[in-house]
Amino acid sequence: MKKKKCGLVKYQILYLSYKINKLKTHIKNNPKDISNKMSLIKMISKRKKMNKYLEKRENGEKGLRARFRI
């Protein structure tokens, strides 16, 4: 049985980036689609928060490894 990695933050960011790019092309073709513009803004802010979380988490792990010399 294959183990899925869809719960990892990196993969969630990757999937959000894919959806954002799809929405961007849709909005270019349909500029009056307000609801999808709002969805795009929400997705971008969610991706930004996830990137920030991932950055903090990776920096924290490096700090722990250096502190305890793991």
PDB file of N, CA and C in Angstrom:
ATOM      1  N   MET A   1       0.841  -1.183   0.000  1.00  0.00           N
ATOM      2  CA  MET A   1       0.000   0.000   0.000  1.00  0.00           C
ATOM      3  C   MET A   1       0.889   1.250   0.000  1.00  0.00           C
ATOM      4  N   LYS A   2       0.607   2.154  -0.920  1.00  0.00           N
ATOM      5  CA  LYS A   2       1.397   3.373  -1.008  1.00  0.00           C
ATOM      6  C   LYS A   2       0.997   4.355   0.082  1.00  0.00           C
ATOM      7  N   LYS A   3       1.981   5.010   0.625  1.00  0.00           N
ATOM      8  CA  LYS A   3       1.736   6.016   1.640  1.00  0.00           C
ATOM      9  C   LYS A   3       1.593   7.373   0.958  1.00  0.00           C
ATOM     10  N   LYS A   4       0.475   8.030   1.156  1.00  0.00           N
ATOM     11  CA  LYS A   4       0.244   9.335   0.547  1.00  0.00           C
ATOM     12  C   LYS A   4       0.868  10.425   1.403  1.00  0.00           C
ATOM     13  N   LYS A   5       1.367  11.460   0.742  1.00  0.00           N
ATOM     14  CA  LYS A   5       2.036  12.554   1.441  1.00  0.00           C
ATOM     15  C   LYS A   5       1.244  13.846   1.339  1.00  0.00           C
ATOM     16  N   CYS A   6      -0.059  13.752   1.128  1.00  0.00           N
ATOM     17  CA  CYS A   6      -0.853  14.959   0.893  1.00  0.00           C
ATOM     18  C   CYS A   6      -1.019  15.807   2.157  1.00  0.00           C
ATOM     19  N   GLY A   7      -0.703  15.276   3.320  1.00  0.00           N
ATOM     20  CA  GLY A   7      -0.855  16.036   4.549  1.00  0.00           C
ATOM     21  C   GLY A   7       0.350  16.898   4.882  1.00  0.00           C
ATOM     22  N   LEU A   8       1.460  16.666   4.215  1.00  0.00           N
ATOM     23  CA  LEU A   8       2.653  17.446   4.490  1.00  0.00           C
ATOM     24  C   LEU A   8       2.468  18.878   3.999  1.00  0.00           C
ATOM     25  N   VAL A   9       3.015  19.807   4.736  1.00  0.00           N
ATOM     26  CA  VAL A   9       2.853  21.228   4.424  1.00  0.00           C
ATOM     27  C   VAL A   9       3.424  21.557   3.048  1.00  0.00           C
ATOM     28  N   LYS A  10       4.554  20.959   2.701  1.00  0.00           N
ATOM     29  CA  LYS A  10       5.175  21.241   1.405  1.00  0.00           C
ATOM     30  C   LYS A  10       4.236  20.877   0.255  1.00  0.00           C
ATOM     31  N   TYR A  11       3.567  19.746   0.383  1.00  0.00           N
ATOM     32  CA  TYR A  11       2.663  19.305  -0.672  1.00  0.00           C
ATOM     33  C   TYR A  11       1.387  20.151  -0.705  1.00  0.00           C
ATOM     34  N   GLN A  12       0.950  20.598   0.459  1.00  0.00           N
ATOM     35  CA  GLN A  12      -0.220  21.481   0.495  1.00  0.00           C
ATOM     36  C   GLN A  12       0.098  22.802  -0.202  1.00  0.00           C
ATOM     37  N   ILE A  13       1.299  23.329   0.028  1.00  0.00           N
ATOM     38  CA  ILE A  13       1.717  24.570  -0.628  1.00  0.00           C
ATOM     39  C   ILE A  13       1.808  24.355  -2.136  1.00  0.00           C
ATOM     40  N   LEU A  14       2.353  23.224  -2.535  1.00  0.00           N
ATOM     41  CA  LEU A  14       2.469  22.910  -3.953  1.00  0.00           C
ATOM     42  C   LEU A  14       1.091  22.839  -4.606  1.00  0.00           C
ATOM     43  N   TYR A  15       0.148  22.177  -3.954  1.00  0.00           N
ATOM     44  CA  TYR A  15      -1.206  22.053  -4.491  1.00  0.00           C
ATOM     45  C   TYR A  15      -1.909  23.414  -4.555  1.00  0.00           C
ATOM     46  N   LEU A  16      -1.729  24.228  -3.512  1.00  0.00           N
ATOM     47  CA  LEU A  16      -2.304  25.578  -3.520  1.00  0.00           C
ATOM     48  C   LEU A  16      -1.721  26.410  -4.660  1.00  0.00           C
ATOM     49  N   SER A  17      -0.428  26.284  -4.915  1.00  0.00           N
ATOM     50  CA  SER A  17       0.203  27.024  -6.009  1.00  0.00           C
ATOM     51  C   SER A  17      -0.395  26.611  -7.348  1.00  0.00           C
ATOM     52  N   TYR A  18      -0.645  25.323  -7.503  1.00  0.00           N
ATOM     53  CA  TYR A  18      -1.263  24.828  -8.732  1.00  0.00           C
ATOM     54  C   TYR A  18      -2.659  25.430  -8.915  1.00  0.00           C
ATOM     55  N   LYS A  19      -3.454  25.429  -7.832  1.00  0.00           N
ATOM     56  CA  LYS A  19      -4.807  25.980  -7.908  1.00  0.00           C
ATOM     57  C   LYS A  19      -4.785  27.486  -8.164  1.00  0.00           C
ATOM     58  N   ILE A  20      -3.831  28.186  -7.567  1.00  0.00           N
ATOM     59  CA  ILE A  20      -3.702  29.631  -7.760  1.00  0.00           C
ATOM     60  C   ILE A  20      -3.395  29.942  -9.221  1.00  0.00           C
ATOM     61  N   ASN A  21      -2.490  29.185  -9.815  1.00  0.00           N
ATOM     62  CA  ASN A  21      -2.146  29.416 -11.230  1.00  0.00           C
ATOM     63  C   ASN A  21      -3.341  29.157 -12.135  1.00  0.00           C
ATOM     64  N   LYS A  22      -4.127  28.130 -11.823  1.00  0.00           N
ATOM     65  CA  LYS A  22      -5.323  27.860 -12.616  1.00  0.00           C
ATOM     66  C   LYS A  22      -6.317  29.008 -12.498  1.00  0.00           C
ATOM     67  N   LEU A  23      -6.509  29.509 -11.282  1.00  0.00           N
ATOM     68  CA  LEU A  23      -7.446  30.612 -11.067  1.00  0.00           C
ATOM     69  C   LEU A  23      -6.973  31.894 -11.743  1.00  0.00           C
ATOM     70  N   LYS A  24      -5.679  32.124 -11.748  1.00  0.00           N
ATOM     71  CA  LYS A  24      -5.146  33.325 -12.405  1.00  0.00           C
ATOM     72  C   LYS A  24      -5.502  33.336 -13.881  1.00  0.00           C
ATOM     73  N   THR A  25      -5.331  32.201 -14.545  1.00  0.00           N
ATOM     74  CA  THR A  25      -5.663  32.142 -15.964  1.00  0.00           C
ATOM     75  C   THR A  25      -7.164  32.319 -16.184  1.00  0.00           C
ATOM     76  N   HIS A  26      -7.965  31.772 -15.272  1.00  0.00           N
ATOM     77  CA  HIS A  26      -9.416  31.927 -15.386  1.00  0.00           C
ATOM     78  C   HIS A  26      -9.816  33.398 -15.237  1.00  0.00           C
ATOM     79  N   ILE A  27      -9.205  34.070 -14.283  1.00  0.00           N
ATOM     80  CA  ILE A  27      -9.554  35.473 -14.022  1.00  0.00           C
ATOM     81  C   ILE A  27      -9.082  36.379 -15.173  1.00  0.00           C
ATOM     82  N   LYS A  28      -7.977  36.016 -15.809  1.00  0.00           N
ATOM     83  CA  LYS A  28      -7.533  36.801 -16.967  1.00  0.00           C
ATOM     84  C   LYS A  28      -8.575  36.747 -18.085  1.00  0.00           C
ATOM     85  N   ASN A  29      -9.201  35.585 -18.243  1.00  0.00           N
ATOM     86  CA  ASN A  29     -10.218  35.422 -19.279  1.00  0.00           C
ATOM     87  C   ASN A  29     -11.579  35.967 -18.860  1.00  0.00           C
ATOM     88  N   ASN A  30     -11.846  36.005 -17.555  1.00  0.00           N
ATOM     89  CA  ASN A  30     -13.134  36.464 -17.021  1.00  0.00           C
ATOM     90  C   ASN A  30     -12.898  37.514 -15.935  1.00  0.00           C
ATOM     91  N   PRO A  31     -12.573  38.735 -16.304  1.00  0.00           N
ATOM     92  CA  PRO A  31     -12.194  39.743 -15.308  1.00  0.00           C
ATOM     93  C   PRO A  31     -13.323  40.188 -14.379  1.00  0.00           C
ATOM     94  N   LYS A  32     -14.573  39.926 -14.739  1.00  0.00           N
ATOM     95  CA  LYS A  32     -15.687  40.361 -13.886  1.00  0.00           C
ATOM     96  C   LYS A  32     -16.130  39.303 -12.884  1.00  0.00           C
ATOM     97  N   ASP A  33     -15.419  38.215 -12.808  1.00  0.00           N
ATOM     98  CA  ASP A  33     -15.759  37.120 -11.894  1.00  0.00           C
ATOM     99  C   ASP A  33     -15.228  37.451 -10.492  1.00  0.00           C
ATOM    100  N   ILE A  34     -16.038  38.148  -9.737  1.00  0.00           N
ATOM    101  CA  ILE A  34     -15.627  38.662  -8.427  1.00  0.00           C
ATOM    102  C   ILE A  34     -15.435  37.545  -7.397  1.00  0.00           C
ATOM    103  N   SER A  35     -16.304  36.544  -7.400  1.00  0.00           N
ATOM    104  CA  SER A  35     -16.210  35.490  -6.388  1.00  0.00           C
ATOM    105  C   SER A  35     -14.906  34.705  -6.523  1.00  0.00           C
ATOM    106  N   ASN A  36     -14.475  34.462  -7.736  1.00  0.00           N
ATOM    107  CA  ASN A  36     -13.210  33.760  -7.911  1.00  0.00           C
ATOM    108  C   ASN A  36     -12.016  34.646  -7.581  1.00  0.00           C
ATOM    109  N   LYS A  37     -12.154  35.950  -7.760  1.00  0.00           N
ATOM    110  CA  LYS A  37     -11.091  36.869  -7.336  1.00  0.00           C
ATOM    111  C   LYS A  37     -10.905  36.802  -5.826  1.00  0.00           C
ATOM    112  N   MET A  38     -12.033  36.741  -5.112  1.00  0.00           N
ATOM    113  CA  MET A  38     -11.962  36.636  -3.654  1.00  0.00           C
ATOM    114  C   MET A  38     -11.338  35.307  -3.234  1.00  0.00           C
ATOM    115  N   SER A  39     -11.708  34.246  -3.932  1.00  0.00           N
ATOM    116  CA  SER A  39     -11.128  32.932  -3.640  1.00  0.00           C
ATOM    117  C   SER A  39      -9.619  32.945  -3.873  1.00  0.00           C
ATOM    118  N   LEU A  40      -9.203  33.617  -4.923  1.00  0.00           N
ATOM    119  CA  LEU A  40      -7.779  33.716  -5.235  1.00  0.00           C
ATOM    120  C   LEU A  40      -7.029  34.442  -4.123  1.00  0.00           C
ATOM    121  N   ILE A  41      -7.600  35.527  -3.643  1.00  0.00           N
ATOM    122  CA  ILE A  41      -6.975  36.293  -2.560  1.00  0.00           C
ATOM    123  C   ILE A  41      -6.854  35.440  -1.299  1.00  0.00           C
ATOM    124  N   LYS A  42      -7.895  34.676  -0.990  1.00  0.00           N
ATOM    125  CA  LYS A  42      -7.862  33.794   0.185  1.00  0.00           C
ATOM    126  C   LYS A  42      -6.796  32.719   0.046  1.00  0.00           C
ATOM    127  N   MET A  43      -6.701  32.134  -1.147  1.00  0.00           N
ATOM    128  CA  MET A  43      -5.705  31.088  -1.371  1.00  0.00           C
ATOM    129  C   MET A  43      -4.290  31.632  -1.265  1.00  0.00           C
ATOM    130  N   ILE A  44      -4.080  32.826  -1.792  1.00  0.00           N
ATOM    131  CA  ILE A  44      -2.747  33.435  -1.724  1.00  0.00           C
ATOM    132  C   ILE A  44      -2.360  33.705  -0.272  1.00  0.00           C
ATOM    133  N   SER A  45      -3.301  34.201   0.522  1.00  0.00           N
ATOM    134  CA  SER A  45      -2.974  34.475   1.923  1.00  0.00           C
ATOM    135  C   SER A  45      -2.752  33.171   2.693  1.00  0.00           C
ATOM    136  N   LYS A  46      -3.501  32.133   2.355  1.00  0.00           N
ATOM    137  CA  LYS A  46      -3.311  30.837   3.011  1.00  0.00           C
ATOM    138  C   LYS A  46      -1.937  30.266   2.678  1.00  0.00           C
ATOM    139  N   ARG A  47      -1.532  30.376   1.403  1.00  0.00           N
ATOM    140  CA  ARG A  47      -0.217  29.887   0.995  1.00  0.00           C
ATOM    141  C   ARG A  47       0.892  30.669   1.689  1.00  0.00           C
ATOM    142  N   LYS A  48       0.678  31.979   1.838  1.00  0.00           N
ATOM    143  CA  LYS A  48       1.670  32.818   2.510  1.00  0.00           C
ATOM    144  C   LYS A  48       1.837  32.392   3.973  1.00  0.00           C
ATOM    145  N   LYS A  49       0.708  32.125   4.642  1.00  0.00           N
ATOM    146  CA  LYS A  49       0.765  31.677   6.038  1.00  0.00           C
ATOM    147  C   LYS A  49       1.448  30.323   6.166  1.00  0.00           C
ATOM    148  N   MET A  50       1.172  29.423   5.214  1.00  0.00           N
ATOM    149  CA  MET A  50       1.793  28.101   5.254  1.00  0.00           C
ATOM    150  C   MET A  50       3.298  28.197   5.020  1.00  0.00           C
ATOM    151  N   ASN A  51       3.707  29.071   4.108  1.00  0.00           N
ATOM    152  CA  ASN A  51       5.136  29.288   3.874  1.00  0.00           C
ATOM    153  C   ASN A  51       5.823  29.818   5.119  1.00  0.00           C
ATOM    154  N   LYS A  52       5.161  30.738   5.797  1.00  0.00           N
ATOM    155  CA  LYS A  52       5.705  31.311   7.024  1.00  0.00           C
ATOM    156  C   LYS A  52       5.844  30.237   8.104  1.00  0.00           C
ATOM    157  N   TYR A  53       4.815  29.384   8.228  1.00  0.00           N
ATOM    158  CA  TYR A  53       4.841  28.294   9.203  1.00  0.00           C
ATOM    159  C   TYR A  53       5.985  27.328   8.889  1.00  0.00           C
ATOM    160  N   LEU A  54       6.108  26.978   7.616  1.00  0.00           N
ATOM    161  CA  LEU A  54       7.153  26.041   7.212  1.00  0.00           C
ATOM    162  C   LEU A  54       8.538  26.611   7.485  1.00  0.00           C
ATOM    163  N   GLU A  55       8.709  27.894   7.216  1.00  0.00           N
ATOM    164  CA  GLU A  55       9.986  28.548   7.466  1.00  0.00           C
ATOM    165  C   GLU A  55      10.327  28.528   8.958  1.00  0.00           C
ATOM    166  N   LYS A  56       9.348  28.853   9.802  1.00  0.00           N
ATOM    167  CA  LYS A  56       9.574  28.837  11.255  1.00  0.00           C
ATOM    168  C   LYS A  56       9.931  27.434  11.722  1.00  0.00           C
ATOM    169  N   ARG A  57       9.203  26.460  11.212  1.00  0.00           N
ATOM    170  CA  ARG A  57       9.407  25.074  11.635  1.00  0.00           C
ATOM    171  C   ARG A  57      10.793  24.577  11.241  1.00  0.00           C
ATOM    172  N   GLU A  58      11.211  24.868  10.021  1.00  0.00           N
ATOM    173  CA  GLU A  58      12.531  24.426   9.575  1.00  0.00           C
ATOM    174  C   GLU A  58      13.641  25.138  10.336  1.00  0.00           C
ATOM    175  N   ASN A  59      13.473  26.426  10.603  1.00  0.00           N
ATOM    176  CA  ASN A  59      14.482  27.162  11.370  1.00  0.00           C
ATOM    177  C   ASN A  59      14.546  26.658  12.800  1.00  0.00           C
ATOM    178  N   GLY A  60      13.397  26.314  13.370  1.00  0.00           N
ATOM    179  CA  GLY A  60      13.362  25.791  14.728  1.00  0.00           C
ATOM    180  C   GLY A  60      14.064  24.458  14.842  1.00  0.00           C
ATOM    181  N   GLU A  61      13.875  23.587  13.856  1.00  0.00           N
ATOM    182  CA  GLU A  61      14.530  22.287  13.874  1.00  0.00           C
ATOM    183  C   GLU A  61      16.039  22.436  13.757  1.00  0.00           C
ATOM    184  N   LYS A  62      16.486  23.354  12.900  1.00  0.00           N
ATOM    185  CA  LYS A  62      17.912  23.577  12.756  1.00  0.00           C
ATOM    186  C   LYS A  62      18.494  24.110  14.057  1.00  0.00           C
ATOM    187  N   GLY A  63      17.746  24.978  14.725  1.00  0.00           N
ATOM    188  CA  GLY A  63      18.209  25.532  15.994  1.00  0.00           C
ATOM    189  C   GLY A  63      18.336  24.464  17.062  1.00  0.00           C
ATOM    190  N   LEU A  64      17.366  23.540  17.112  1.00  0.00           N
ATOM    191  CA  LEU A  64      17.428  22.448  18.076  1.00  0.00           C
ATOM    192  C   LEU A  64      18.598  21.521  17.787  1.00  0.00           C
ATOM    193  N   ARG A  65      18.812  21.236  16.523  1.00  0.00           N
ATOM    194  CA  ARG A  65      19.929  20.340  16.162  1.00  0.00           C
ATOM    195  C   ARG A  65      21.266  20.957  16.549  1.00  0.00           C
ATOM    196  N   ALA A  66      21.388  22.260  16.334  1.00  0.00           N
ATOM    197  CA  ALA A  66      22.640  22.930  16.675  1.00  0.00           C
ATOM    198  C   ALA A  66      22.825  22.981  18.200  1.00  0.00           C
ATOM    199  N   ARG A  67      21.730  23.200  18.904  1.00  0.00           N
ATOM    200  CA  ARG A  67      21.797  23.304  20.359  1.00  0.00           C
ATOM    201  C   ARG A  67      22.169  21.964  20.999  1.00  0.00           C
ATOM    202  N   PHE A  68      21.577  20.886  20.492  1.00  0.00           N
ATOM    203  CA  PHE A  68      21.812  19.577  21.084  1.00  0.00           C
ATOM    204  C   PHE A  68      22.788  18.728  20.272  1.00  0.00           C
ATOM    205  N   ARG A  69      23.336  19.312  19.216  1.00  0.00           N
ATOM    206  CA  ARG A  69      24.311  18.654  18.340  1.00  0.00           C
ATOM    207  C   ARG A  69      23.832  17.282  17.886  1.00  0.00           C
ATOM    208  N   ILE A  70      22.649  17.283  17.299  1.00  0.00           N
ATOM    209  CA  ILE A  70      22.061  16.023  16.810  1.00  0.00           C
ATOM    210  C   ILE A  70      22.528  15.782  15.401  1.00  0.00           C
TER     211      ILE A  70
END
